[in-house]
Amino acid sequence: MNLTTWLSLVAICCIGAISPGPSLAVVLRHSIGNSRAHGIIASITHAFGLAVWALLTIWGLAVLVTETPLLYKLITYVGAAYLAWMGVKAIRSKGNNKLSVDKTTAPLIEAAQDGVMISLLNPKLAIFFIALFSQFVTADLTLTDQLIMLGTVVSIDSLWYIRVAIVLSHSRLIDKLQQKSAMIDKISDIVLVGLALRVVTLS
């Protein structure tokens, strides 16, 4: 893979990473509602789930998702159900969590679970990667090329969300975010449930 091709891949991955969506909502919720560590953990595990979709696409397995309507619909509904469940958790929040970069208010495993599941149960990522990698995957693609593609996607995604988690959990923002925590939870609820409904209606 030459430099020009790689830079094209980087540009597309950056656009995909910074686009608002359920992944951003999850990282924001854990960074603000729990701690910096929660946000970072969610970011890392989200990248792991992303890596799974990227591997499936590179290896051609994601074709099953697009060519097998029943499988695609099943994954779509499971993903929508998970989004809705996370939205319900947000709306039940009373917005009184103590926001701190050092003291957590929920198990880190919960942030890890939310991070990986929000990416693994998002079938739209399969479509995104099919569209993305179709420009770069060729019959003579080497293992090194595959590893470069995978590493690029995972690195950009994880570094972007880790940056989001660090910036939003900065100690100078804690007091302001504490005052807005209830509103943030409700906004997260609206976004997550809205995305779940959108997934179902467009499937």
Protein backbone atom coordinates (compact mmCIF):
# COMPACT_ATOMS: atom_id res chain seq x y z
CA MET A 1 0.00 0.00 0.00
CA ASN A 2 1.57 3.27 -1.14
CA LEU A 3 1.49 6.53 0.80
CA THR A 4 -1.19 8.16 -1.37
CA THR A 5 -3.55 5.21 -0.92
CA TRP A 6 -2.92 5.13 2.82
CA LEU A 7 -3.59 8.86 3.19
CA SER A 8 -6.90 8.37 1.38
CA LEU A 9 -7.78 5.64 3.87
CA VAL A 10 -6.80 7.90 6.77
CA ALA A 11 -9.01 10.72 5.49
CA ILE A 12 -12.08 8.49 5.18
CA CYS A 13 -11.49 6.93 8.60
CA CYS A 14 -11.20 10.37 10.21
CA ILE A 15 -14.52 11.45 8.72
CA GLY A 16 -16.17 8.26 9.98
CA ALA A 17 -14.72 8.63 13.48
CA ILE A 18 -15.74 12.24 14.08
CA SER A 19 -19.27 11.83 12.72
CA PRO A 20 -21.83 12.10 15.58
CA GLY A 21 -23.64 8.87 16.39
CA PRO A 22 -24.36 6.29 19.11
CA SER A 23 -20.64 5.67 19.71
CA LEU A 24 -20.03 9.30 20.58
CA ALA A 25 -23.09 9.31 22.85
CA VAL A 26 -21.72 6.32 24.79
CA VAL A 27 -18.25 7.82 25.26
CA LEU A 28 -19.74 11.16 26.32
CA ARG A 29 -22.07 9.50 28.81
CA HIS A 30 -19.31 7.53 30.52
CA SER A 31 -16.77 10.36 30.45
CA ILE A 32 -19.16 12.88 31.97
CA GLY A 33 -21.37 10.67 34.12
CA ASN A 34 -18.62 8.51 35.60
CA SER A 35 -14.97 9.37 35.03
CA ARG A 36 -12.14 9.86 32.59
CA ALA A 37 -11.14 6.22 33.03
CA HIS A 38 -14.64 5.08 32.08
CA GLY A 39 -14.54 7.16 28.92
CA ILE A 40 -11.12 5.84 27.94
CA ILE A 41 -12.13 2.23 28.59
CA ALA A 42 -15.28 2.69 26.50
CA SER A 43 -13.15 4.22 23.72
CA ILE A 44 -10.68 1.32 23.69
CA THR A 45 -13.30 -1.42 23.72
CA HIS A 46 -15.28 0.42 21.05
CA ALA A 47 -12.18 0.25 18.86
CA PHE A 48 -11.99 -3.50 19.56
CA GLY A 49 -15.53 -3.98 18.27
CA LEU A 50 -14.66 -1.84 15.28
CA ALA A 51 -11.67 -4.07 14.59
CA VAL A 52 -13.96 -7.10 14.46
CA TRP A 53 -16.16 -5.50 11.79
CA ALA A 54 -13.07 -4.37 9.87
CA LEU A 55 -11.61 -7.88 9.90
CA LEU A 56 -14.90 -9.43 8.80
CA THR A 57 -15.11 -6.98 5.94
CA ILE A 58 -11.52 -7.42 4.81
CA TRP A 59 -11.91 -11.18 4.83
CA GLY A 60 -15.15 -10.96 2.89
CA LEU A 61 -17.37 -12.31 5.65
CA ALA A 62 -19.43 -9.11 5.84
CA VAL A 63 -20.93 -10.11 2.48
CA LEU A 64 -23.18 -12.42 4.47
CA VAL A 65 -24.73 -9.40 6.15
CA THR A 66 -25.68 -7.70 2.89
CA GLU A 67 -26.64 -10.79 0.90
CA THR A 68 -28.56 -12.60 3.64
CA PRO A 69 -31.57 -10.38 4.47
CA LEU A 70 -32.68 -12.50 7.45
CA LEU A 71 -29.26 -12.32 9.11
CA TYR A 72 -29.00 -8.59 8.44
CA LYS A 73 -32.48 -7.95 9.88
CA LEU A 74 -31.68 -10.04 12.97
CA ILE A 75 -28.48 -8.10 13.67
CA THR A 76 -30.30 -4.82 13.01
CA TYR A 77 -33.04 -5.56 15.55
CA VAL A 78 -30.56 -6.78 18.19
CA GLY A 79 -28.56 -3.60 17.73
CA ALA A 80 -31.69 -1.44 17.94
CA ALA A 81 -32.75 -3.22 21.14
CA TYR A 82 -29.34 -2.52 22.72
CA LEU A 83 -29.53 1.16 21.77
CA ALA A 84 -33.00 1.41 23.28
CA TRP A 85 -31.85 -0.34 26.47
CA MET A 86 -29.01 2.13 26.89
CA GLY A 87 -31.47 4.96 26.33
CA VAL A 88 -33.73 3.61 29.08
CA LYS A 89 -30.73 3.49 31.44
CA ALA A 90 -30.05 7.14 30.69
CA ILE A 91 -33.62 8.30 31.23
CA ARG A 92 -33.78 6.49 34.58
CA SER A 93 -30.71 8.40 35.76
CA LYS A 94 -31.44 11.11 38.32
CA GLY A 95 -28.44 13.14 37.17
CA ASN A 96 -26.84 13.21 40.61
CA ASN A 97 -23.67 11.26 39.87
CA LYS A 98 -20.52 12.91 41.21
CA LEU A 99 -18.38 13.68 38.19
CA SER A 100 -14.70 13.05 38.84
CA VAL A 101 -11.61 12.12 36.88
CA ASP A 102 -10.35 10.01 39.77
CA LYS A 103 -13.34 8.50 41.57
CA THR A 104 -15.63 6.24 39.54
CA THR A 105 -19.34 5.80 40.15
CA ALA A 106 -19.88 2.59 38.22
CA PRO A 107 -17.81 -0.54 37.49
CA LEU A 108 -15.30 -0.08 34.67
CA ILE A 109 -16.60 -3.33 33.19
CA GLU A 110 -19.86 -1.53 32.42
CA ALA A 111 -18.02 1.07 30.35
CA ALA A 112 -16.07 -1.70 28.62
CA GLN A 113 -19.29 -3.57 27.84
CA ASP A 114 -21.06 -0.53 26.48
CA GLY A 115 -18.08 0.43 24.34
CA VAL A 116 -17.66 -2.92 22.64
CA MET A 117 -21.37 -3.70 22.30
CA ILE A 118 -22.28 -0.36 20.73
CA SER A 119 -19.89 -1.18 17.89
CA LEU A 120 -20.40 -4.94 17.64
CA LEU A 121 -24.19 -4.58 17.52
CA ASN A 122 -24.17 -1.87 14.88
CA PRO A 123 -24.70 -3.56 11.48
CA LYS A 124 -24.37 -0.19 9.78
CA LEU A 125 -20.63 -0.44 10.47
CA ALA A 126 -20.51 -3.46 8.19
CA ILE A 127 -22.00 -1.39 5.37
CA PHE A 128 -19.59 1.45 6.15
CA PHE A 129 -16.58 -0.84 5.97
CA ILE A 130 -17.81 -2.52 2.81
CA ALA A 131 -18.08 0.89 1.17
CA LEU A 132 -14.73 1.96 2.62
CA PHE A 133 -12.61 -1.10 1.96
CA SER A 134 -14.06 -1.77 -1.50
CA GLN A 135 -11.73 0.99 -2.68
CA PHE A 136 -8.66 -0.65 -1.20
CA VAL A 137 -9.21 -4.43 -1.12
CA THR A 138 -7.84 -6.18 -4.20
CA ALA A 139 -7.14 -9.78 -5.16
CA ASP A 140 -3.42 -9.29 -4.53
CA LEU A 141 -3.85 -7.66 -1.13
CA THR A 142 -1.06 -8.86 1.14
CA LEU A 143 -1.23 -9.67 4.84
CA THR A 144 0.86 -6.58 5.52
CA ASP A 145 -1.66 -4.43 3.65
CA GLN A 146 -4.49 -5.95 5.66
CA LEU A 147 -2.71 -5.24 8.94
CA ILE A 148 -2.03 -1.65 7.87
CA MET A 149 -5.70 -1.13 7.03
CA LEU A 150 -6.83 -2.66 10.31
CA GLY A 151 -4.28 -0.73 12.35
CA THR A 152 -5.24 2.54 10.68
CA VAL A 153 -8.95 2.12 11.40
CA VAL A 154 -8.47 1.06 15.01
CA SER A 155 -5.85 3.70 15.80
CA ILE A 156 -7.88 6.61 14.44
CA ASP A 157 -11.07 5.50 16.15
CA SER A 158 -9.50 4.84 19.55
CA LEU A 159 -7.35 7.99 19.56
CA TRP A 160 -10.30 10.19 18.61
CA TYR A 161 -12.60 8.90 21.34
CA ILE A 162 -9.85 8.83 23.95
CA ARG A 163 -9.21 12.49 23.16
CA VAL A 164 -12.93 13.20 23.58
CA ALA A 165 -12.93 11.41 26.93
CA ILE A 166 -9.87 13.27 28.22
CA VAL A 167 -11.04 16.71 27.12
CA LEU A 168 -14.55 16.35 28.51
CA SER A 169 -13.40 14.91 31.83
CA HIS A 170 -10.88 17.67 32.50
CA SER A 171 -11.09 18.85 36.07
CA ARG A 172 -11.88 22.44 35.06
CA LEU A 173 -15.07 21.24 33.40
CA ILE A 174 -16.30 19.03 36.23
CA ASP A 175 -18.41 21.61 38.08
CA LYS A 176 -20.15 22.82 34.94
CA LEU A 177 -20.79 19.28 33.75
CA GLN A 178 -22.10 18.30 37.19
CA GLN A 179 -24.77 20.98 36.91
CA LYS A 180 -25.73 19.73 33.47
CA SER A 181 -25.52 15.97 34.17
CA ALA A 182 -29.28 15.43 34.34
CA MET A 183 -29.80 17.23 31.06
CA ILE A 184 -26.95 15.27 29.45
CA ASP A 185 -28.53 11.99 30.54
CA LYS A 186 -31.86 13.01 29.02
CA ILE A 187 -30.22 14.11 25.78
CA SER A 188 -28.37 10.78 25.63
CA ASP A 189 -31.70 9.04 26.11
CA ILE A 190 -33.31 10.94 23.23
CA VAL A 191 -30.35 10.29 20.93
CA LEU A 192 -30.05 6.58 21.71
CA VAL A 193 -33.77 5.79 21.54
CA GLY A 194 -34.09 7.93 18.41
CA LEU A 195 -31.26 6.04 16.75
CA ALA A 196 -32.83 2.73 17.76
CA LEU A 197 -36.13 3.75 16.16
CA ARG A 198 -34.32 4.95 13.06
CA VAL A 199 -32.50 1.62 12.71
CA VAL A 200 -35.78 -0.29 12.92
CA THR A 201 -37.72 1.95 10.54
CA LEU A 202 -34.96 1.97 7.93
CA SER A 203 -34.23 -1.75 8.11
